Structure formats: C-alpha cells, structure tokens
N, C-alpha and C. Protein backbone atom coordinates (compact mmCIF):
# COMPACT_ATOMS: atom_id res chain seq x y z
N UNK A 1 72.19 103.28 83.14
CA UNK A 1 71.20 104.47 82.98
C UNK A 1 69.91 104.60 83.98
N UNK A 2 69.60 103.33 84.01
CA UNK A 2 68.43 103.16 85.06
C UNK A 2 68.85 103.82 86.33
N UNK A 3 70.04 103.36 86.94
CA UNK A 3 70.42 103.77 88.11
C UNK A 3 70.74 105.10 88.28
N UNK A 4 71.27 105.71 87.13
CA UNK A 4 71.51 107.19 87.35
C UNK A 4 70.17 107.48 87.19
N UNK A 5 69.04 107.44 86.44
CA UNK A 5 67.80 108.11 86.51
C UNK A 5 67.30 108.08 88.06
N UNK A 6 67.29 106.99 88.54
CA UNK A 6 66.82 106.79 90.09
C UNK A 6 67.48 107.70 90.93
N UNK A 7 68.77 108.16 90.91
CA UNK A 7 69.46 109.05 91.59
C UNK A 7 69.41 110.40 91.21
N UNK A 8 68.91 110.47 89.99
CA UNK A 8 68.73 111.97 89.39
C UNK A 8 70.23 112.37 89.32
N UNK A 9 71.26 111.74 88.85
CA UNK A 9 72.46 112.02 88.34
C UNK A 9 72.62 112.00 86.79
N UNK A 10 73.08 113.09 86.25
CA UNK A 10 73.60 113.06 84.60
C UNK A 10 74.83 112.05 84.42
N UNK A 11 74.94 111.47 83.38
CA UNK A 11 75.82 110.64 83.10
C UNK A 11 77.40 111.48 83.06
N UNK A 12 77.22 112.48 82.83
CA UNK A 12 78.66 113.43 82.59
C UNK A 12 79.11 113.60 84.04
N UNK A 13 78.33 113.29 85.06
CA UNK A 13 78.73 113.50 86.56
C UNK A 13 78.92 112.19 87.15
N UNK A 14 79.02 110.94 86.47
CA UNK A 14 79.09 109.84 87.09
C UNK A 14 80.27 109.00 86.48
N UNK A 15 80.74 108.16 87.25
CA UNK A 15 82.02 107.42 86.92
C UNK A 15 81.66 105.86 86.69
N UNK A 16 82.15 105.14 85.93
CA UNK A 16 81.77 103.65 85.78
C UNK A 16 83.16 103.17 86.06
N UNK A 17 83.01 102.14 87.00
CA UNK A 17 84.31 101.43 87.30
C UNK A 17 84.12 100.02 86.61
N UNK A 18 85.10 99.68 85.84
CA UNK A 18 85.25 98.10 85.33
C UNK A 18 86.39 97.90 84.54
N UNK A 19 86.30 96.49 84.15
CA UNK A 19 87.50 95.80 83.86
C UNK A 19 87.91 95.64 82.40
N UNK A 20 86.81 95.82 81.65
CA UNK A 20 86.72 95.41 80.19
C UNK A 20 86.60 96.59 79.24
N UNK A 21 87.50 96.72 78.36
CA UNK A 21 87.53 97.77 77.51
C UNK A 21 86.29 97.82 76.52
N UNK A 22 86.15 96.51 75.68
CA UNK A 22 85.07 96.25 74.86
C UNK A 22 83.34 96.60 75.87
N UNK A 23 83.44 96.19 76.69
CA UNK A 23 82.08 96.34 77.15
C UNK A 23 82.00 97.67 78.25
N UNK A 24 82.65 97.67 79.10
CA UNK A 24 82.80 98.59 80.25
C UNK A 24 83.30 100.20 79.99
N UNK A 25 84.46 100.21 79.27
CA UNK A 25 84.83 101.41 78.60
C UNK A 25 84.00 101.87 77.45
N UNK A 26 83.61 101.12 76.69
CA UNK A 26 82.84 101.68 75.53
C UNK A 26 81.47 101.87 75.97
N UNK A 27 81.02 101.31 76.84
CA UNK A 27 79.68 101.45 77.18
C UNK A 27 79.59 102.71 78.02
N UNK A 28 80.49 103.11 78.76
CA UNK A 28 80.41 104.23 79.76
C UNK A 28 80.91 105.41 78.80
N UNK A 29 81.46 105.38 77.69
CA UNK A 29 81.80 106.39 76.97
C UNK A 29 80.68 106.60 75.91
N UNK A 30 80.02 105.76 75.63
CA UNK A 30 78.77 105.95 74.86
C UNK A 30 77.59 106.42 75.59
N UNK A 31 77.62 106.37 77.02
CA UNK A 31 76.62 106.90 77.83
C UNK A 31 76.94 108.42 78.27
N UNK A 32 78.20 108.66 77.77
CA UNK A 32 78.85 110.01 78.22
C UNK A 32 79.13 110.06 79.73
N UNK A 33 79.46 109.00 80.15
CA UNK A 33 80.38 108.85 81.62
C UNK A 33 81.91 108.80 81.55
N UNK A 34 82.24 109.47 82.84
CA UNK A 34 83.79 109.00 82.93
C UNK A 34 84.04 107.41 83.12
N UNK A 35 85.26 107.08 83.18
CA UNK A 35 85.42 105.66 83.24
C UNK A 35 86.69 105.31 83.85
N UNK A 36 86.90 104.37 84.95
CA UNK A 36 87.98 103.98 85.62
C UNK A 36 88.09 102.42 85.27
N UNK A 37 89.38 101.96 84.83
CA UNK A 37 89.51 100.78 84.51
C UNK A 37 90.45 100.00 85.49
N UNK A 38 89.66 99.02 86.09
CA UNK A 38 90.51 98.30 87.23
C UNK A 38 91.13 97.04 86.64
N UNK A 39 92.66 96.99 87.01
CA UNK A 39 93.51 96.19 86.16
C UNK A 39 94.08 95.02 87.34
N UNK A 40 93.77 95.03 88.57
CA UNK A 40 93.86 94.22 89.48
C UNK A 40 93.90 92.80 89.50
N UNK A 41 93.04 92.14 88.62
CA UNK A 41 92.72 90.94 88.49
C UNK A 41 93.06 90.34 87.02
N UNK A 42 92.67 91.32 86.12
CA UNK A 42 92.80 90.90 84.88
C UNK A 42 93.24 92.40 84.15
N UNK A 43 94.22 92.38 83.32
CA UNK A 43 94.81 93.75 82.45
C UNK A 43 94.11 93.31 81.11
N UNK A 44 92.89 93.89 80.66
CA UNK A 44 92.61 93.80 79.28
C UNK A 44 93.33 94.87 78.46
N UNK A 45 94.28 94.06 77.69
CA UNK A 45 95.12 94.58 76.72
C UNK A 45 94.47 94.54 75.51
N UNK A 46 93.23 94.21 75.29
CA UNK A 46 92.29 94.13 74.04
C UNK A 46 92.62 95.52 73.53
N UNK A 47 93.23 95.57 72.17
CA UNK A 47 93.45 96.80 71.23
C UNK A 47 92.12 96.96 70.40
N UNK A 48 92.03 98.24 70.01
CA UNK A 48 90.93 98.55 69.20
C UNK A 48 89.82 99.02 70.00
N UNK A 49 89.71 99.24 71.20
CA UNK A 49 88.64 99.69 71.98
C UNK A 49 89.27 100.73 72.82
N UNK A 50 88.40 101.73 73.42
CA UNK A 50 88.65 102.91 73.90
C UNK A 50 89.36 102.42 75.36
N UNK A 51 90.08 103.25 75.90
CA UNK A 51 90.75 103.10 77.03
C UNK A 51 89.82 104.09 78.03
N UNK A 52 90.01 103.58 79.32
CA UNK A 52 89.32 104.25 80.49
C UNK A 52 89.95 105.75 80.46
N UNK A 53 89.12 106.64 81.08
CA UNK A 53 89.91 108.18 81.53
C UNK A 53 90.92 107.89 82.43
N UNK A 54 91.09 106.95 83.30
CA UNK A 54 92.09 106.57 84.04
C UNK A 54 92.06 104.87 84.45
N UNK A 55 93.48 104.63 84.92
CA UNK A 55 93.37 103.20 85.10
C UNK A 55 93.99 102.99 86.47
N UNK A 56 93.39 102.15 87.22
CA UNK A 56 94.05 101.81 88.64
C UNK A 56 94.29 100.14 88.78
N UNK A 57 95.25 99.85 89.52
CA UNK A 57 95.65 98.60 89.66
C UNK A 57 95.18 97.89 91.00
N UNK A 58 94.76 98.81 92.03
CA UNK A 58 94.17 98.59 93.35
C UNK A 58 93.27 99.35 93.70
N UNK A 59 92.22 98.82 94.28
CA UNK A 59 91.08 99.81 94.66
C UNK A 59 91.31 100.64 95.59
N UNK A 60 92.37 100.76 96.45
CA UNK A 60 92.97 101.71 97.15
C UNK A 60 93.19 103.19 96.35
N UNK A 61 93.25 103.05 94.93
CA UNK A 61 93.71 104.16 94.05
C UNK A 61 92.38 104.66 93.70
N UNK A 62 91.04 104.14 94.02
CA UNK A 62 89.82 104.55 93.38
C UNK A 62 89.53 105.86 93.96
N UNK A 63 89.74 106.39 95.18
CA UNK A 63 89.17 107.61 95.62
C UNK A 63 90.15 108.90 94.83
N UNK A 64 91.22 108.71 94.92
CA UNK A 64 92.06 109.38 94.06
C UNK A 64 91.84 109.53 92.81
N UNK A 65 91.55 108.55 92.23
CA UNK A 65 91.32 108.55 90.51
C UNK A 65 90.08 109.24 90.39
N UNK A 66 88.83 109.21 90.98
CA UNK A 66 87.82 109.73 91.13
C UNK A 66 87.95 111.20 91.22
N UNK A 67 88.66 111.72 92.21
CA UNK A 67 88.83 113.17 92.61
C UNK A 67 89.65 113.65 91.17
N UNK A 68 90.52 112.88 90.69
CA UNK A 68 91.25 113.49 89.74
C UNK A 68 90.26 113.83 88.39
N UNK A 69 89.37 112.86 88.24
CA UNK A 69 88.59 113.03 87.23
C UNK A 69 87.47 114.47 87.46
N UNK A 70 87.26 114.43 88.71
CA UNK A 70 86.22 115.58 89.27
C UNK A 70 87.13 117.07 89.02
N UNK A 71 88.16 116.93 88.97
CA UNK A 71 89.12 118.26 88.77
C UNK A 71 88.92 118.41 87.20
N UNK A 72 88.72 117.71 86.45
CA UNK A 72 88.52 118.08 84.84
C UNK A 72 87.10 118.59 84.54
N UNK A 73 86.37 118.42 85.46
CA UNK A 73 84.91 118.99 84.83
C UNK A 73 84.98 120.36 85.13
C-alpha cells in the first residue's frame, strides 16, 4: 500500500502479480486490488484461499492479462 500511496494510485486501479494464493491473492483482495497469479515456476494448488482474477503461466501473457482486467473496470 505504501507504493500505491507514493504513486497516488488507488488500490482498485492497481494489479498485484504473485504466485501464492495465501499471501499474494488474499492480500491483493483484502487491499481491494486486482490480482494475477503466475504459475510458471510453481503452481499453488492450495485450496481454501482465493484465486486470482486471472492466472498466467508465462510473463509474456502479463500485458494481455492486465488489459483484460482493465476492461472490467
């Protein structure tokens, strides 16, 4: 949240990219941010936690994933 404040960006206009459901996806959701889960190295199949708004396997998919989320706003 500190980084968003420094950039003067609201959480609902930000995207968090991470790999872990328990920390990354839950944290993003609690902060009011969109989330992208990266599964290229480790696929967190940990049940019981929120899934990301979108999931990618390769970072080359990131730009399209973020654009897809921007359309939802």
